[in-house]
Amino acid sequence: MAEPDSSDCRDDELTPELVVRAYCVGAFPMADGRDGEVGWYSPDPRAVIPLEDDGFKVSRSLGKRVRSGCYRVTMDRAFEEVIQACAQRRACDADTWISPKILEVYNELHRGGLAHSVEAWAPAPGNSPGSSSPGSSGEGAGSKLCESGELVGGLYGVALGGVFFGESMFHRATDASKVCLVAVVEHLRRRGFGLLDVQFVNPHLEQFGVVELSRDEYMDRLEEALRGGDRW
């Protein structure tokens, strides 16, 4: 398969296989909000969130919120709902990059076991709050949460080897997406992942100790991390 380049591609050219190939060579797709055309991006510098204990920063107030269990946290229980919510949030921005074709391809990646979501649920009235195990896989657990609580935050991305490529997050309640980010970092650490790619620095991520790597340094880290890690 040909490697992605800096040119645009038509909707019918964007496939899950091409997206995976792009990640492996340091690129990722984003759609133009005006016409939906997909372009390939490889920013220099590249933003990553350190997975080391002394690199990932959690504020005292956020740590308290995580420990309180005010949100139930799950993984891969509502991928389509999460990416749709991220797309709706982006629709309010000047630059909308989660197009219908992006939605289709990433849903395919999820069905193929490569794209993943982390969800935060606010318990319905009368149900006591508390965090469920993000990695739990008991059948029916997710559906019960969906029925008894409201999806108030989440994030999604793609896991390859020992790399998690974070794509987008959303929140409808205070700190809900941040709680999801803390959960995914803890999960990646347990699984032996070596790299959490977040593409660009933004004010929301700066508080977590995000760092920028030159393209050469990023590619070295990427190549090494792709060879490591455990299954998601």
Protein backbone atom coordinates (compact mmCIF):
# COMPACT_ATOMS: atom_id res chain seq x y z
CA MET A 1 0.00 0.00 0.00
CA ALA A 2 1.26 3.47 -0.81
CA GLU A 3 2.20 5.69 2.11
CA PRO A 4 0.03 8.77 2.72
CA ASP A 5 1.46 12.06 1.54
CA SER A 6 0.67 15.69 2.22
CA SER A 7 -1.99 15.89 -0.51
CA ASP A 8 -5.71 15.59 0.01
CA CYS A 9 -7.55 12.37 -0.65
CA ARG A 10 -11.13 11.72 -1.69
CA ASP A 11 -13.58 10.08 0.68
CA ASP A 12 -13.46 6.82 -1.24
CA GLU A 13 -9.67 6.69 -0.83
CA LEU A 14 -9.75 6.82 2.96
CA THR A 15 -9.69 3.34 4.44
CA PRO A 16 -8.88 1.84 7.84
CA GLU A 17 -5.76 0.23 6.34
CA LEU A 18 -4.49 3.56 5.03
CA VAL A 19 -5.10 5.25 8.38
CA VAL A 20 -3.10 2.54 10.19
CA ARG A 21 -0.27 2.93 7.69
CA ALA A 22 -0.34 6.68 8.23
CA TYR A 23 0.01 6.36 12.00
CA CYS A 24 3.00 4.07 11.57
CA VAL A 25 4.85 6.70 9.54
CA GLY A 26 3.91 9.61 11.82
CA ALA A 27 0.87 11.02 9.99
CA PHE A 28 -2.85 11.23 10.70
CA PRO A 29 -5.94 12.33 8.76
CA MET A 30 -8.11 15.38 9.34
CA ALA A 31 -11.00 16.55 7.21
CA ASP A 32 -11.43 20.10 5.99
CA GLY A 33 -14.52 21.61 7.59
CA ARG A 34 -15.52 23.39 4.38
CA ASP A 35 -15.52 20.60 1.83
CA GLY A 36 -14.79 17.43 3.83
CA GLU A 37 -11.59 16.67 1.91
CA VAL A 38 -9.14 14.68 4.01
CA GLY A 39 -5.56 15.86 4.41
CA TRP A 40 -2.60 14.15 6.08
CA TYR A 41 -0.77 15.89 8.90
CA SER A 42 2.55 15.31 10.64
CA PRO A 43 3.18 18.34 12.88
CA ASP A 44 6.67 19.35 13.91
CA PRO A 45 6.94 19.56 16.87
CA ARG A 46 4.62 16.73 17.94
CA ALA A 47 2.78 16.78 21.28
CA VAL A 48 2.90 13.77 23.60
CA ILE A 49 1.79 13.18 27.17
CA PRO A 50 4.50 11.51 29.27
CA LEU A 51 3.49 8.19 30.78
CA GLU A 52 6.18 8.31 33.46
CA ASP A 53 5.02 8.96 37.03
CA ASP A 54 6.98 12.21 37.21
CA GLY A 55 5.88 13.38 33.77
CA PHE A 56 2.10 13.05 33.83
CA LYS A 57 0.66 15.83 36.00
CA VAL A 58 -2.64 15.55 37.84
CA SER A 59 -3.78 18.55 39.87
CA ARG A 60 -4.85 18.07 43.45
CA SER A 61 -8.46 18.99 42.64
CA LEU A 62 -8.61 16.55 39.71
CA GLY A 63 -7.03 13.80 41.78
CA LYS A 64 -9.69 14.36 44.41
CA ARG A 65 -12.43 14.16 41.80
CA VAL A 66 -11.01 10.92 40.39
CA ARG A 67 -10.83 9.34 43.85
CA SER A 68 -14.38 10.45 44.66
CA GLY A 69 -15.78 8.18 41.98
CA CYS A 70 -18.31 10.80 40.95
CA TYR A 71 -18.23 9.36 37.42
CA ARG A 72 -18.31 5.76 36.35
CA VAL A 73 -15.50 5.06 33.92
CA THR A 74 -15.68 2.37 31.25
CA MET A 75 -13.79 1.44 28.10
CA ASP A 76 -15.17 0.50 24.70
CA ARG A 77 -18.78 0.55 25.92
CA ALA A 78 -19.98 3.41 23.72
CA PHE A 79 -17.41 4.10 21.01
CA GLU A 80 -19.89 5.36 18.42
CA GLU A 81 -21.55 7.67 20.95
CA VAL A 82 -18.17 9.08 22.03
CA ILE A 83 -16.90 9.84 18.53
CA GLN A 84 -20.28 11.34 17.59
CA ALA A 85 -20.12 13.59 20.65
CA CYS A 86 -16.59 14.66 19.72
CA ALA A 87 -17.78 15.47 16.20
CA GLN A 88 -20.68 17.53 17.54
CA ARG A 89 -18.34 19.48 19.78
CA ARG A 90 -16.04 20.15 16.86
CA ALA A 91 -18.98 21.34 14.78
CA CYS A 92 -19.08 24.40 17.03
CA ASP A 93 -15.48 25.25 16.10
CA ALA A 94 -14.33 27.07 13.01
CA ASP A 95 -12.34 24.00 11.98
CA THR A 96 -14.42 20.84 11.84
CA TRP A 97 -12.25 17.84 11.04
CA ILE A 98 -14.36 14.83 12.14
CA SER A 99 -16.28 14.39 8.91
CA PRO A 100 -18.84 11.65 8.15
CA LYS A 101 -16.10 9.69 6.36
CA ILE A 102 -13.77 10.02 9.38
CA LEU A 103 -16.62 8.73 11.55
CA GLU A 104 -17.15 5.77 9.24
CA VAL A 105 -13.49 4.77 9.08
CA TYR A 106 -12.84 5.07 12.81
CA ASN A 107 -15.96 3.07 13.59
CA GLU A 108 -14.55 0.39 11.30
CA LEU A 109 -11.24 0.59 13.17
CA HIS A 110 -13.14 0.10 16.40
CA ARG A 111 -14.95 -2.94 15.08
CA GLY A 112 -11.54 -4.25 14.04
CA GLY A 113 -10.21 -3.89 17.58
CA LEU A 114 -7.84 -0.97 16.92
CA ALA A 115 -9.82 2.16 17.87
CA HIS A 116 -10.92 2.50 21.49
CA SER A 117 -12.97 4.79 23.69
CA VAL A 118 -13.03 5.71 27.35
CA GLU A 119 -16.36 6.86 28.75
CA ALA A 120 -17.46 8.79 31.83
CA TRP A 121 -21.01 8.29 33.06
CA ALA A 122 -22.95 10.35 35.58
CA PRO A 123 -25.20 7.98 37.55
CA ALA A 124 -28.91 8.51 37.21
CA PRO A 125 -30.75 9.90 40.25
CA GLY A 126 -31.05 7.26 42.92
CA ASN A 127 -27.96 5.34 41.82
CA SER A 128 -24.83 5.71 43.92
CA PRO A 129 -21.72 6.98 42.10
CA GLY A 130 -18.51 5.02 41.83
CA SER A 131 -15.91 4.03 39.29
CA SER A 132 -16.25 0.68 37.60
CA SER A 133 -13.09 -1.00 36.41
CA PRO A 134 -12.23 0.51 33.01
CA GLY A 135 -10.93 -2.82 31.80
CA SER A 136 -13.86 -4.91 32.98
CA SER A 137 -15.52 -6.96 30.29
CA GLY A 138 -18.56 -8.50 31.94
CA GLU A 139 -21.32 -8.78 29.39
CA GLY A 140 -24.11 -6.33 30.03
CA ALA A 141 -22.10 -4.04 32.29
CA GLY A 142 -21.88 -1.30 29.68
CA SER A 143 -25.51 -1.53 28.67
CA LYS A 144 -26.61 -1.26 32.30
CA LEU A 145 -24.53 1.89 32.68
CA CYS A 146 -26.02 3.32 29.50
CA GLU A 147 -29.51 2.63 30.79
CA SER A 148 -28.91 3.96 34.30
CA GLY A 149 -26.58 6.88 33.66
CA GLU A 150 -25.77 9.70 31.27
CA LEU A 151 -22.68 9.82 29.06
CA VAL A 152 -21.00 13.04 30.19
CA GLY A 153 -17.49 12.72 28.83
CA GLY A 154 -15.15 10.60 26.80
CA LEU A 155 -12.19 10.28 24.51
CA TYR A 156 -11.16 8.02 21.66
CA GLY A 157 -8.04 7.04 19.77
CA VAL A 158 -6.17 4.21 18.10
CA ALA A 159 -3.84 1.68 19.75
CA LEU A 160 -1.02 0.15 17.73
CA GLY A 161 1.75 -1.80 19.40
CA GLY A 162 2.77 0.25 22.42
CA VAL A 163 1.36 3.55 21.11
CA PHE A 164 -2.00 5.16 21.79
CA PHE A 165 -2.84 7.89 19.28
CA GLY A 166 -5.33 10.12 21.07
CA GLU A 167 -7.73 11.77 18.65
CA SER A 168 -10.36 13.80 20.47
CA MET A 169 -12.27 14.19 23.72
CA PHE A 170 -15.46 15.86 24.91
CA HIS A 171 -17.18 16.70 28.17
CA ARG A 172 -20.67 17.66 29.27
CA ALA A 173 -19.88 17.79 32.98
CA THR A 174 -17.02 19.24 34.99
CA ASP A 175 -13.71 17.38 34.50
CA ALA A 176 -15.41 14.40 32.84
CA SER A 177 -12.95 14.22 29.92
CA LYS A 178 -10.04 14.79 32.28
CA VAL A 179 -11.13 11.83 34.41
CA CYS A 180 -11.14 9.75 31.22
CA LEU A 181 -7.61 10.90 30.38
CA VAL A 182 -6.38 9.88 33.83
CA ALA A 183 -8.02 6.49 33.33
CA VAL A 184 -6.41 5.94 29.94
CA VAL A 185 -2.95 6.87 31.25
CA GLU A 186 -3.32 4.38 34.09
CA HIS A 187 -4.48 1.75 31.59
CA LEU A 188 -1.55 2.38 29.21
CA ARG A 189 0.91 2.11 32.07
CA ARG A 190 -0.52 -1.24 33.14
CA ARG A 191 -0.30 -2.49 29.57
CA GLY A 192 3.31 -1.38 29.09
CA PHE A 193 2.64 1.26 26.44
CA GLY A 194 5.50 3.61 25.68
CA LEU A 195 3.89 6.56 23.92
CA LEU A 196 0.71 8.64 24.23
CA ASP A 197 0.48 10.84 21.14
CA VAL A 198 -1.87 13.84 21.40
CA GLN A 199 -0.75 15.56 18.16
CA PHE A 200 -0.95 19.23 19.19
CA VAL A 201 -0.55 21.21 22.40
CA ASN A 202 -3.68 22.99 23.63
CA PRO A 203 -4.58 24.69 26.92
CA HIS A 204 -6.68 21.70 27.98
CA LEU A 205 -3.67 19.37 27.76
CA GLU A 206 -0.95 21.68 29.05
CA GLN A 207 -1.94 21.07 32.66
CA PHE A 208 -1.07 17.37 32.29
CA GLY A 209 2.58 18.02 31.49
CA VAL A 210 2.32 17.66 27.71
CA VAL A 211 5.68 17.97 25.97
CA GLU A 212 6.67 18.63 22.37
CA LEU A 213 9.10 16.47 20.45
CA SER A 214 10.91 17.31 17.24
CA ARG A 215 9.88 15.19 14.28
CA ASP A 216 13.14 13.21 14.41
CA GLU A 217 12.76 12.52 18.13
CA TYR A 218 9.10 11.64 17.72
CA MET A 219 9.81 9.20 14.91
CA ASP A 220 12.51 7.50 16.99
CA ARG A 221 10.10 7.18 19.92
CA LEU A 222 7.30 6.02 17.62
CA GLU A 223 9.39 3.30 15.98
CA GLU A 224 10.49 1.96 19.35
CA ALA A 225 7.03 2.08 20.94
CA LEU A 226 5.33 0.37 18.00
CA ARG A 227 7.44 -2.70 18.75
CA GLY A 228 6.37 -2.82 22.41
CA GLY A 229 3.30 -2.79 24.60
CA ASP A 230 0.62 -5.33 25.31
CA ARG A 231 -2.79 -5.69 23.76
CA TRP A 232 -5.26 -2.96 24.69
